[in-house]
Amino acid sequence: MRKLTWWTMAIVIGLAAGVPFAQQPEPTNPVQGNAQAIDQGQQLFRLSCASCHGLNAKGLRGPDLTTGQFVRGGSDSQLFRTVMQGIPGTDMPGAQFSDATPDQVWALIAYLRTLSGPASEEEARGNAQNGETLFWGKATCGQCHMVRGRGGRLGPDLSRIGVTRSRTALIKEIRTPSGSFTDGFWPVTVVSRDGRRIRGVRKNEDPFSLQIMDTNERIQSFDHSDLREVVREKSSLMPDYGADRLTDAELDDVIRYLRSL
């Protein structure tokens, strides 16, 4: 466990050199089934992964890792690459930017292999077709969110949200969206010197200027010296979708649609 295996060295060198992964030999986990490695992987998971994926790996803000289904591929080498490099555009960082070693990543994968099981009944709830109709209709999600190039820009693009969030996280973020914000979509209200108030989401900011997208999806830039105040809002621009807006059955449909994308 202390020395890099030949396969680990090959992958690390390939990643560093930018060699296309398809041209590299397809490795298997050198510590698969090793009890000591599995224990080490479990400890690493609890320290580095559980905050997003849950202690039981069933998912919180990150997806459920117990189904055996992985969007970027489920082979040993594909999982190794995903964990090492992270997933750009998501909350998942790469292990290469932390203190985790390649051999620890192999141990983590060995642990994940012990968790695979059938999808829960909850995951099978809902009707994707009805959810799509609700998304673009009654729920008006598409006014602010984009899916595959269609929809608004005021909220995050949801084209891949169903595979990067667990069902639990999706329910929480739809029912109570003010509980967390995505970078680039923090709600702000700027107050000009003459008292004019403009609400939107923060896109960029430095010590001298602020850039927002207002509620009409217009990008506006301001010098801090020209503003009376910048209010960091605690309430999301997205309303709470309680049972009065979406019943539990309708919410199941919307989530099933998002997870089908």
C-alpha atoms as a PDB file:
ATOM      1  CA  MET A   1       0.000   0.000   0.000  1.00  0.00           C
ATOM      2  CA  ARG A   2       2.929   2.347   0.579  1.00  0.00           C
ATOM      3  CA  LYS A   3       4.387   2.011  -2.892  1.00  0.00           C
ATOM      4  CA  LEU A   4       2.603   2.961  -6.096  1.00  0.00           C
ATOM      5  CA  THR A   5       1.594  -0.040  -8.167  1.00  0.00           C
ATOM      6  CA  TRP A   6       2.669  -0.250 -11.792  1.00  0.00           C
ATOM      7  CA  TRP A   7      -0.884   0.500 -12.954  1.00  0.00           C
ATOM      8  CA  THR A   8      -1.157   3.513 -10.667  1.00  0.00           C
ATOM      9  CA  MET A   9       2.121   4.886 -11.986  1.00  0.00           C
ATOM     10  CA  ALA A  10       0.939   4.400 -15.566  1.00  0.00           C
ATOM     11  CA  ILE A  11      -2.260   6.323 -14.953  1.00  0.00           C
ATOM     12  CA  VAL A  12      -0.620   9.144 -13.017  1.00  0.00           C
ATOM     13  CA  ILE A  13       2.074   9.579 -15.666  1.00  0.00           C
ATOM     14  CA  GLY A  14      -0.599   9.497 -18.369  1.00  0.00           C
ATOM     15  CA  LEU A  15      -2.683  12.126 -16.611  1.00  0.00           C
ATOM     16  CA  ALA A  16       0.324  14.360 -16.083  1.00  0.00           C
ATOM     17  CA  ALA A  17       1.456  14.002 -19.681  1.00  0.00           C
ATOM     18  CA  GLY A  18      -2.022  14.531 -21.107  1.00  0.00           C
ATOM     19  CA  VAL A  19      -1.973  11.180 -22.930  1.00  0.00           C
ATOM     20  CA  PRO A  20      -5.504  10.328 -24.173  1.00  0.00           C
ATOM     21  CA  PHE A  21      -6.949   7.863 -21.707  1.00  0.00           C
ATOM     22  CA  ALA A  22      -8.170   5.528 -24.462  1.00  0.00           C
ATOM     23  CA  GLN A  23      -4.528   4.942 -25.487  1.00  0.00           C
ATOM     24  CA  GLN A  24      -3.549   3.777 -22.016  1.00  0.00           C
ATOM     25  CA  PRO A  25      -3.902   0.162 -20.860  1.00  0.00           C
ATOM     26  CA  GLU A  26      -7.149  -0.531 -19.028  1.00  0.00           C
ATOM     27  CA  PRO A  27      -6.184  -1.256 -15.412  1.00  0.00           C
ATOM     28  CA  THR A  28      -8.135  -2.975 -12.695  1.00  0.00           C
ATOM     29  CA  ASN A  29      -7.998  -2.072  -9.051  1.00  0.00           C
ATOM     30  CA  PRO A  30      -4.833  -3.658  -7.594  1.00  0.00           C
ATOM     31  CA  VAL A  31      -6.379  -3.731  -4.087  1.00  0.00           C
ATOM     32  CA  GLN A  32      -9.879  -4.892  -5.008  1.00  0.00           C
ATOM     33  CA  GLY A  33     -11.244  -7.092  -2.206  1.00  0.00           C
ATOM     34  CA  ASN A  34      -8.312  -6.343   0.092  1.00  0.00           C
ATOM     35  CA  ALA A  35      -9.779  -5.962   3.592  1.00  0.00           C
ATOM     36  CA  GLN A  36      -7.097  -3.524   4.757  1.00  0.00           C
ATOM     37  CA  ALA A  37      -7.574  -1.362   1.665  1.00  0.00           C
ATOM     38  CA  ILE A  38     -11.353  -1.385   2.087  1.00  0.00           C
ATOM     39  CA  ASP A  39     -11.011  -0.180   5.672  1.00  0.00           C
ATOM     40  CA  GLN A  40      -8.643   2.563   4.530  1.00  0.00           C
ATOM     41  CA  GLY A  41     -11.057   3.513   1.750  1.00  0.00           C
ATOM     42  CA  GLN A  42     -13.953   3.732   4.202  1.00  0.00           C
ATOM     43  CA  GLN A  43     -11.981   6.081   6.443  1.00  0.00           C
ATOM     44  CA  LEU A  44     -11.054   8.275   3.472  1.00  0.00           C
ATOM     45  CA  PHE A  45     -14.682   8.316   2.304  1.00  0.00           C
ATOM     46  CA  ARG A  46     -15.916   9.465   5.707  1.00  0.00           C
ATOM     47  CA  LEU A  47     -13.300  12.205   5.865  1.00  0.00           C
ATOM     48  CA  SER A  48     -13.459  13.510   2.314  1.00  0.00           C
ATOM     49  CA  CYS A  49     -16.664  12.343   0.634  1.00  0.00           C
ATOM     50  CA  ALA A  50     -19.427  11.897   3.217  1.00  0.00           C
ATOM     51  CA  SER A  51     -20.196  15.614   3.501  1.00  0.00           C
ATOM     52  CA  CYS A  52     -21.611  15.514  -0.044  1.00  0.00           C
ATOM     53  CA  HIS A  53     -22.503  11.851  -0.539  1.00  0.00           C
ATOM     54  CA  GLY A  54     -23.653  10.985   2.991  1.00  0.00           C
ATOM     55  CA  LEU A  55     -22.113   8.610   5.525  1.00  0.00           C
ATOM     56  CA  ASN A  56     -24.020   5.737   3.916  1.00  0.00           C
ATOM     57  CA  ALA A  57     -23.092   6.994   0.406  1.00  0.00           C
ATOM     58  CA  LYS A  58     -26.808   7.287  -0.420  1.00  0.00           C
ATOM     59  CA  GLY A  59     -26.280  10.903  -1.395  1.00  0.00           C
ATOM     60  CA  LEU A  60     -26.818  14.356   0.057  1.00  0.00           C
ATOM     61  CA  ARG A  61     -25.719  17.238  -2.135  1.00  0.00           C
ATOM     62  CA  GLY A  62     -23.828  14.713  -4.246  1.00  0.00           C
ATOM     63  CA  PRO A  63     -25.355  11.662  -5.961  1.00  0.00           C
ATOM     64  CA  ASP A  64     -26.056   8.208  -4.550  1.00  0.00           C
ATOM     65  CA  LEU A  65     -22.930   6.039  -4.974  1.00  0.00           C
ATOM     66  CA  THR A  66     -24.514   2.726  -3.992  1.00  0.00           C
ATOM     67  CA  THR A  67     -26.414   1.995  -7.216  1.00  0.00           C
ATOM     68  CA  GLY A  68     -23.354   0.866  -9.154  1.00  0.00           C
ATOM     69  CA  GLN A  69     -24.249   3.375 -11.885  1.00  0.00           C
ATOM     70  CA  PHE A  70     -21.733   6.136 -12.589  1.00  0.00           C
ATOM     71  CA  VAL A  71     -22.292   8.791 -15.245  1.00  0.00           C
ATOM     72  CA  ARG A  72     -18.629   8.968 -16.248  1.00  0.00           C
ATOM     73  CA  GLY A  73     -18.203   5.222 -16.389  1.00  0.00           C
ATOM     74  CA  GLY A  74     -18.003   2.538 -13.752  1.00  0.00           C
ATOM     75  CA  SER A  75     -14.838   0.653 -14.647  1.00  0.00           C
ATOM     76  CA  ASP A  76     -11.921   0.792 -12.229  1.00  0.00           C
ATOM     77  CA  SER A  77      -9.902   3.083 -14.482  1.00  0.00           C
ATOM     78  CA  GLN A  78     -12.875   5.374 -15.155  1.00  0.00           C
ATOM     79  CA  LEU A  79     -13.633   5.717 -11.457  1.00  0.00           C
ATOM     80  CA  PHE A  80      -9.942   6.345 -10.749  1.00  0.00           C
ATOM     81  CA  ARG A  81      -9.856   9.126 -13.322  1.00  0.00           C
ATOM     82  CA  THR A  82     -13.095  10.685 -12.024  1.00  0.00           C
ATOM     83  CA  VAL A  83     -11.883  10.724  -8.424  1.00  0.00           C
ATOM     84  CA  MET A  84      -8.399  11.963  -9.315  1.00  0.00           C
ATOM     85  CA  GLN A  85      -9.497  14.700 -11.704  1.00  0.00           C
ATOM     86  CA  GLY A  86     -12.856  15.639 -10.226  1.00  0.00           C
ATOM     87  CA  ILE A  87     -15.763  16.741 -12.395  1.00  0.00           C
ATOM     88  CA  PRO A  88     -15.429  20.242 -13.891  1.00  0.00           C
ATOM     89  CA  GLY A  89     -18.494  22.418 -13.445  1.00  0.00           C
ATOM     90  CA  THR A  90     -19.653  20.532 -10.355  1.00  0.00           C
ATOM     91  CA  ASP A  91     -18.920  20.640  -6.627  1.00  0.00           C
ATOM     92  CA  MET A  92     -16.622  17.619  -6.872  1.00  0.00           C
ATOM     93  CA  PRO A  93     -12.907  18.478  -6.645  1.00  0.00           C
ATOM     94  CA  GLY A  94     -10.157  16.186  -7.792  1.00  0.00           C
ATOM     95  CA  ALA A  95      -8.065  14.132  -5.387  1.00  0.00           C
ATOM     96  CA  GLN A  96      -4.957  15.338  -7.222  1.00  0.00           C
ATOM     97  CA  PHE A  97      -5.558  18.752  -5.632  1.00  0.00           C
ATOM     98  CA  SER A  98      -5.774  17.315  -2.117  1.00  0.00           C
ATOM     99  CA  ASP A  99      -3.463  15.232   0.037  1.00  0.00           C
ATOM    100  CA  ALA A 100      -4.967  11.943  -1.174  1.00  0.00           C
ATOM    101  CA  THR A 101      -2.476   9.635  -2.884  1.00  0.00           C
ATOM    102  CA  PRO A 102      -3.304   7.460  -5.901  1.00  0.00           C
ATOM    103  CA  ASP A 103      -3.112   4.342  -3.752  1.00  0.00           C
ATOM    104  CA  GLN A 104      -5.625   5.867  -1.354  1.00  0.00           C
ATOM    105  CA  VAL A 105      -7.925   6.487  -4.316  1.00  0.00           C
ATOM    106  CA  TRP A 106      -7.670   2.804  -5.257  1.00  0.00           C
ATOM    107  CA  ALA A 107      -8.575   1.960  -1.658  1.00  0.00           C
ATOM    108  CA  LEU A 108     -11.558   4.303  -1.859  1.00  0.00           C
ATOM    109  CA  ILE A 109     -12.756   2.568  -5.022  1.00  0.00           C
ATOM    110  CA  ALA A 110     -12.365  -0.819  -3.346  1.00  0.00           C
ATOM    111  CA  TYR A 111     -14.637   0.438  -0.564  1.00  0.00           C
ATOM    112  CA  LEU A 112     -17.222   1.805  -3.014  1.00  0.00           C
ATOM    113  CA  ARG A 113     -17.417  -1.617  -4.658  1.00  0.00           C
ATOM    114  CA  THR A 114     -18.690  -3.047  -1.377  1.00  0.00           C
ATOM    115  CA  LEU A 115     -21.672  -0.663  -1.351  1.00  0.00           C
ATOM    116  CA  SER A 116     -23.378  -1.482  -4.646  1.00  0.00           C
ATOM    117  CA  GLY A 117     -26.966  -2.592  -4.389  1.00  0.00           C
ATOM    118  CA  PRO A 118     -30.289  -2.292  -6.201  1.00  0.00           C
ATOM    119  CA  ALA A 119     -31.916   1.126  -6.533  1.00  0.00           C
ATOM    120  CA  SER A 120     -34.416   1.965  -3.804  1.00  0.00           C
ATOM    121  CA  GLU A 121     -38.147   2.197  -4.411  1.00  0.00           C
ATOM    122  CA  GLU A 122     -37.885   5.947  -3.879  1.00  0.00           C
ATOM    123  CA  GLU A 123     -35.604   6.268  -6.900  1.00  0.00           C
ATOM    124  CA  ALA A 124     -38.271   4.646  -9.087  1.00  0.00           C
ATOM    125  CA  ARG A 125     -41.006   7.086  -8.094  1.00  0.00           C
ATOM    126  CA  GLY A 126     -42.545   9.522 -10.532  1.00  0.00           C
ATOM    127  CA  ASN A 127     -43.259   9.804 -14.228  1.00  0.00           C
ATOM    128  CA  ALA A 128     -40.606  11.572 -16.315  1.00  0.00           C
ATOM    129  CA  GLN A 129     -43.052  12.583 -19.057  1.00  0.00           C
ATOM    130  CA  ASN A 130     -45.406  14.224 -16.579  1.00  0.00           C
ATOM    131  CA  GLY A 131     -42.388  15.819 -14.895  1.00  0.00           C
ATOM    132  CA  GLU A 132     -41.269  17.364 -18.173  1.00  0.00           C
ATOM    133  CA  THR A 133     -44.742  18.819 -18.693  1.00  0.00           C
ATOM    134  CA  LEU A 134     -44.724  20.260 -15.169  1.00  0.00           C
ATOM    135  CA  PHE A 135     -41.192  21.637 -15.549  1.00  0.00           C
ATOM    136  CA  TRP A 136     -42.064  23.668 -18.641  1.00  0.00           C
ATOM    137  CA  GLY A 137     -45.659  24.358 -17.583  1.00  0.00           C
ATOM    138  CA  LYS A 138     -47.262  24.643 -14.154  1.00  0.00           C
ATOM    139  CA  ALA A 139     -44.011  24.739 -12.168  1.00  0.00           C
ATOM    140  CA  THR A 140     -42.530  27.396 -14.531  1.00  0.00           C
ATOM    141  CA  CYS A 141     -39.009  26.062 -13.879  1.00  0.00           C
ATOM    142  CA  GLY A 142     -37.983  26.783 -17.461  1.00  0.00           C
ATOM    143  CA  GLN A 143     -38.497  30.514 -16.998  1.00  0.00           C
ATOM    144  CA  CYS A 144     -35.263  30.675 -14.992  1.00  0.00           C
ATOM    145  CA  HIS A 145     -33.504  27.365 -15.672  1.00  0.00           C
ATOM    146  CA  MET A 146     -32.114  25.956 -18.884  1.00  0.00           C
ATOM    147  CA  VAL A 147     -32.183  22.327 -19.977  1.00  0.00           C
ATOM    148  CA  ARG A 148     -30.222  21.338 -23.070  1.00  0.00           C
ATOM    149  CA  GLY A 149     -30.174  24.859 -24.473  1.00  0.00           C
ATOM    150  CA  ARG A 150     -33.832  25.659 -23.800  1.00  0.00           C
ATOM    151  CA  GLY A 151     -35.090  27.909 -21.014  1.00  0.00           C
ATOM    152  CA  GLY A 152     -33.913  30.836 -18.895  1.00  0.00           C
ATOM    153  CA  ARG A 153     -30.484  31.829 -17.605  1.00  0.00           C
ATOM    154  CA  LEU A 154     -31.282  33.427 -14.265  1.00  0.00           C
ATOM    155  CA  GLY A 155     -30.866  30.111 -12.442  1.00  0.00           C
ATOM    156  CA  PRO A 156     -28.317  27.311 -12.899  1.00  0.00           C
ATOM    157  CA  ASP A 157     -28.415  25.073 -15.970  1.00  0.00           C
ATOM    158  CA  LEU A 158     -30.174  21.861 -14.909  1.00  0.00           C
ATOM    159  CA  SER A 159     -29.185  19.658 -17.856  1.00  0.00           C
ATOM    160  CA  ARG A 160     -27.035  17.443 -15.592  1.00  0.00           C
ATOM    161  CA  ILE A 161     -28.452  18.212 -12.158  1.00  0.00           C
ATOM    162  CA  GLY A 162     -30.239  14.863 -11.957  1.00  0.00           C
ATOM    163  CA  VAL A 163     -26.984  12.933 -12.046  1.00  0.00           C
ATOM    164  CA  THR A 164     -24.956  15.277  -9.855  1.00  0.00           C
ATOM    165  CA  ARG A 165     -27.486  15.585  -7.021  1.00  0.00           C
ATOM    166  CA  SER A 166     -29.117  12.937  -4.905  1.00  0.00           C
ATOM    167  CA  ARG A 167     -32.884  12.676  -4.715  1.00  0.00           C
ATOM    168  CA  THR A 168     -32.706  13.986  -1.137  1.00  0.00           C
ATOM    169  CA  ALA A 169     -30.761  17.066  -2.247  1.00  0.00           C
ATOM    170  CA  LEU A 170     -33.116  17.763  -5.137  1.00  0.00           C
ATOM    171  CA  ILE A 171     -36.142  17.648  -2.845  1.00  0.00           C
ATOM    172  CA  LYS A 172     -34.486  20.034  -0.390  1.00  0.00           C
ATOM    173  CA  GLU A 173     -33.329  22.454  -3.073  1.00  0.00           C
ATOM    174  CA  ILE A 174     -36.774  22.571  -4.711  1.00  0.00           C
ATOM    175  CA  ARG A 175     -38.805  22.808  -1.514  1.00  0.00           C
ATOM    176  CA  THR A 176     -36.478  25.284   0.253  1.00  0.00           C
ATOM    177  CA  PRO A 177     -34.092  26.844  -2.297  1.00  0.00           C
ATOM    178  CA  SER A 178     -32.813  29.491   0.124  1.00  0.00           C
ATOM    179  CA  GLY A 179     -30.960  26.786   2.043  1.00  0.00           C
ATOM    180  CA  SER A 180     -28.014  26.848  -0.361  1.00  0.00           C
ATOM    181  CA  PHE A 181     -26.785  28.803  -3.365  1.00  0.00           C
ATOM    182  CA  THR A 182     -24.640  27.846  -6.336  1.00  0.00           C
ATOM    183  CA  ASP A 183     -21.580  29.954  -7.174  1.00  0.00           C
ATOM    184  CA  GLY A 184     -22.509  32.538  -9.775  1.00  0.00           C
ATOM    185  CA  PHE A 185     -26.114  32.649  -8.570  1.00  0.00           C
ATOM    186  CA  TRP A 186     -25.920  34.304  -5.151  1.00  0.00           C
ATOM    187  CA  PRO A 187     -28.868  36.727  -4.846  1.00  0.00           C
ATOM    188  CA  VAL A 188     -28.008  40.396  -4.383  1.00  0.00           C
ATOM    189  CA  THR A 189     -29.733  43.747  -4.467  1.00  0.00           C
ATOM    190  CA  VAL A 190     -27.685  46.771  -5.509  1.00  0.00           C
ATOM    191  CA  VAL A 191     -28.772  50.217  -4.365  1.00  0.00           C
ATOM    192  CA  SER A 192     -27.587  53.145  -6.467  1.00  0.00           C
ATOM    193  CA  ARG A 193     -26.702  56.582  -5.128  1.00  0.00           C
ATOM    194  CA  ASP A 194     -30.169  57.857  -6.134  1.00  0.00           C
ATOM    195  CA  GLY A 195     -31.897  54.980  -4.290  1.00  0.00           C
ATOM    196  CA  ARG A 196     -32.689  52.818  -7.309  1.00  0.00           C
ATOM    197  CA  ARG A 197     -32.765  49.121  -6.339  1.00  0.00           C
ATOM    198  CA  ILE A 198     -31.849  46.350  -8.778  1.00  0.00           C
ATOM    199  CA  ARG A 199     -32.144  42.714  -7.772  1.00  0.00           C
ATOM    200  CA  GLY A 200     -30.397  39.841  -9.458  1.00  0.00           C
ATOM    201  CA  VAL A 201     -27.670  37.228  -9.043  1.00  0.00           C
ATOM    202  CA  ARG A 202     -23.986  38.008  -8.548  1.00  0.00           C
ATOM    203  CA  LYS A 203     -21.760  36.924 -11.415  1.00  0.00           C
ATOM    204  CA  ASN A 204     -18.408  38.555 -10.695  1.00  0.00           C
ATOM    205  CA  GLU A 205     -17.007  40.881  -8.074  1.00  0.00           C
ATOM    206  CA  ASP A 206     -13.672  42.447  -7.176  1.00  0.00           C
ATOM    207  CA  PRO A 207     -12.710  45.242  -4.753  1.00  0.00           C
ATOM    208  CA  PHE A 208     -13.701  47.879  -7.306  1.00  0.00           C
ATOM    209  CA  SER A 209     -16.671  46.538  -9.274  1.00  0.00           C
ATOM    210  CA  LEU A 210     -19.648  44.191  -9.264  1.00  0.00           C
ATOM    211  CA  GLN A 211     -21.353  42.385 -12.115  1.00  0.00           C
ATOM    212  CA  ILE A 212     -24.853  40.944 -11.795  1.00  0.00           C
ATOM    213  CA  MET A 213     -27.550  39.418 -13.965  1.00  0.00           C
ATOM    214  CA  ASP A 214     -30.784  41.229 -13.159  1.00  0.00           C
ATOM    215  CA  THR A 215     -34.205  39.572 -13.084  1.00  0.00           C
ATOM    216  CA  ASN A 216     -34.651  40.409 -16.777  1.00  0.00           C
ATOM    217  CA  GLU A 217     -31.481  38.417 -17.557  1.00  0.00           C
ATOM    218  CA  ARG A 218     -29.495  41.541 -18.413  1.00  0.00           C
ATOM    219  CA  ILE A 219     -25.856  41.680 -17.353  1.00  0.00           C
ATOM    220  CA  GLN A 220     -25.140  44.919 -15.519  1.00  0.00           C
ATOM    221  CA  SER A 221     -21.817  46.186 -14.183  1.00  0.00           C
ATOM    222  CA  PHE A 222     -21.353  48.693 -11.366  1.00  0.00           C
ATOM    223  CA  ASP A 223     -18.441  50.467  -9.760  1.00  0.00           C
ATOM    224  CA  HIS A 224     -18.641  50.101  -5.985  1.00  0.00           C
ATOM    225  CA  SER A 225     -18.014  53.834  -5.691  1.00  0.00           C
ATOM    226  CA  ASP A 226     -21.299  54.479  -7.543  1.00  0.00           C
ATOM    227  CA  LEU A 227     -23.376  52.321  -5.192  1.00  0.00           C
ATOM    228  CA  ARG A 228     -24.930  53.261  -1.901  1.00  0.00           C
ATOM    229  CA  GLU A 229     -25.247  49.643  -0.793  1.00  0.00           C
ATOM    230  CA  VAL A 230     -24.915  46.028  -1.889  1.00  0.00           C
ATOM    231  CA  VAL A 231     -27.375  43.772  -0.060  1.00  0.00           C
ATOM    232  CA  ARG A 232     -26.318  40.127   0.162  1.00  0.00           C
ATOM    233  CA  GLU A 233     -29.744  38.525   0.142  1.00  0.00           C
ATOM    234  CA  LYS A 234     -30.530  35.480   2.252  1.00  0.00           C
ATOM    235  CA  SER A 235     -33.629  34.562   0.259  1.00  0.00           C
ATOM    236  CA  SER A 236     -33.339  32.940  -3.135  1.00  0.00           C
ATOM    237  CA  LEU A 237     -34.910  34.466  -6.229  1.00  0.00           C
ATOM    238  CA  MET A 238     -36.521  31.048  -6.587  1.00  0.00           C
ATOM    239  CA  PRO A 239     -39.701  30.692  -4.496  1.00  0.00           C
ATOM    240  CA  ASP A 240     -40.218  27.820  -2.078  1.00  0.00           C
ATOM    241  CA  TYR A 241     -42.026  25.011  -3.855  1.00  0.00           C
ATOM    242  CA  GLY A 242     -44.213  23.809  -1.018  1.00  0.00           C
ATOM    243  CA  ALA A 243     -47.124  21.434  -1.389  1.00  0.00           C
ATOM    244  CA  ASP A 244     -49.305  24.366  -2.462  1.00  0.00           C
ATOM    245  CA  ARG A 245     -47.131  24.764  -5.578  1.00  0.00           C
ATOM    246  CA  LEU A 246     -46.152  21.132  -6.179  1.00  0.00           C
ATOM    247  CA  THR A 247     -47.762  18.132  -4.554  1.00  0.00           C
ATOM    248  CA  ASP A 248     -45.511  15.290  -3.435  1.00  0.00           C
ATOM    249  CA  ALA A 249     -46.580  13.279  -6.485  1.00  0.00           C
ATOM    250  CA  GLU A 250     -45.820  16.180  -8.827  1.00  0.00           C
ATOM    251  CA  LEU A 251     -42.449  16.691  -7.167  1.00  0.00           C
ATOM    252  CA  ASP A 252     -41.682  12.997  -7.751  1.00  0.00           C
ATOM    253  CA  ASP A 253     -42.484  13.519 -11.437  1.00  0.00           C
ATOM    254  CA  VAL A 254     -40.230  16.577 -11.772  1.00  0.00           C
ATOM    255  CA  ILE A 255     -37.341  14.801 -10.051  1.00  0.00           C
ATOM    256  CA  ARG A 256     -37.801  11.724 -12.229  1.00  0.00           C
ATOM    257  CA  TYR A 257     -37.634  13.997 -15.283  1.00  0.00           C
ATOM    258  CA  LEU A 258     -34.431  15.661 -14.079  1.00  0.00           C
ATOM    259  CA  ARG A 259     -32.861  12.294 -13.316  1.00  0.00           C
ATOM    260  CA  SER A 260     -33.776  11.016 -16.777  1.00  0.00           C
ATOM    261  CA  LEU A 261     -31.796  13.719 -18.602  1.00  0.00           C
END
